[in-house]
Protein backbone atom coordinates (compact mmCIF):
# COMPACT_ATOMS: atom_id res chain seq x y z
CA MET A 1 104.82 49.89 110.37
CA ALA A 2 108.05 48.16 109.43
CA GLY A 3 108.91 51.10 107.15
CA TRP A 4 109.10 53.38 110.17
CA VAL A 5 111.09 50.98 112.31
CA TYR A 6 113.75 49.96 109.79
CA ARG A 7 114.34 53.15 107.87
CA GLU A 8 117.70 54.90 107.80
CA ASN A 9 118.69 57.43 110.45
CA ARG A 10 118.50 60.88 108.82
CA VAL A 11 119.59 62.86 111.92
CA PRO A 12 123.28 63.17 110.88
CA HIS A 13 122.23 64.39 107.43
CA TYR A 14 119.95 67.08 108.88
CA GLN A 15 122.55 68.09 111.46
CA ARG A 16 125.08 68.67 108.68
CA GLU A 17 122.49 70.63 106.70
CA PHE A 18 121.28 72.92 109.48
CA GLN A 19 124.58 73.41 111.34
CA LYS A 20 126.55 74.26 108.19
CA HIS A 21 128.10 77.75 108.32
CA ASP A 22 126.96 79.06 104.96
CA GLY A 23 125.62 82.46 106.00
CA LEU A 24 121.94 81.53 105.66
CA ARG A 25 119.43 81.94 108.44
CA LEU A 26 117.59 78.92 109.75
CA TRP A 27 114.28 79.83 108.10
CA GLU A 28 116.07 80.17 104.76
CA LYS A 29 117.46 76.67 105.07
CA SER A 30 114.19 75.06 106.01
CA ARG A 31 111.68 77.02 103.88
CA GLY A 32 113.76 78.40 101.05
CA LYS A 33 114.67 81.97 100.24
CA TRP A 34 111.44 82.70 98.37
CA MET A 35 108.77 81.89 100.97
CA VAL A 36 109.12 84.82 103.41
CA PRO A 37 109.53 87.53 100.71
CA ALA A 38 106.50 86.11 98.89
CA TYR A 39 104.55 86.20 102.14
CA LYS A 40 105.54 89.83 102.71
CA VAL A 41 104.50 90.80 99.17
CA ILE A 42 101.07 89.26 99.72
CA LEU A 43 100.75 90.74 103.21
CA PHE A 44 101.72 94.32 102.32
CA GLY A 45 99.96 94.18 98.96
CA SER A 46 96.66 93.22 100.56
CA PHE A 47 97.19 95.83 103.29
CA GLY A 48 97.89 98.51 100.68
CA ALA A 49 94.83 97.50 98.65
CA SER A 50 92.67 97.68 101.77
CA MET A 51 94.00 101.13 102.63
CA TYR A 52 93.42 102.33 99.06
CA MET A 53 89.81 101.17 99.04
CA MET A 54 89.14 102.55 102.51
CA GLY A 55 90.35 105.94 101.31
CA ARG A 56 88.09 105.72 98.26
CA MET A 57 85.11 104.72 100.39
CA VAL A 58 85.70 107.76 102.63
CA LEU A 59 85.57 109.95 99.52
CA GLY A 60 82.32 108.27 98.42
CA HIS A 61 83.57 106.06 95.58
CA LYS A 62 82.50 102.42 95.75
CA THR A 63 84.63 101.03 92.91
CA TRP A 64 88.39 100.52 92.43
CA ILE A 65 88.66 103.05 89.58
CA GLY A 66 86.45 105.82 88.23
CA LYS A 67 83.90 107.93 89.97
CA ASN A 68 81.32 105.23 90.83
């Protein structure tokens, strides 16, 4: 418990970090520039794969490639 009570105050450090005018959005400062684009790639990739397979199922094909 003493580690929580006597640790340094990090509020000024984080205020400097998040209030700095460097042209980045808040989510880019806190999560990095790669997290949201990676999320969108996974989101739209899985959506596209679902749409592709739904179209194939409508046509009667139950596999990703080929006729059957």
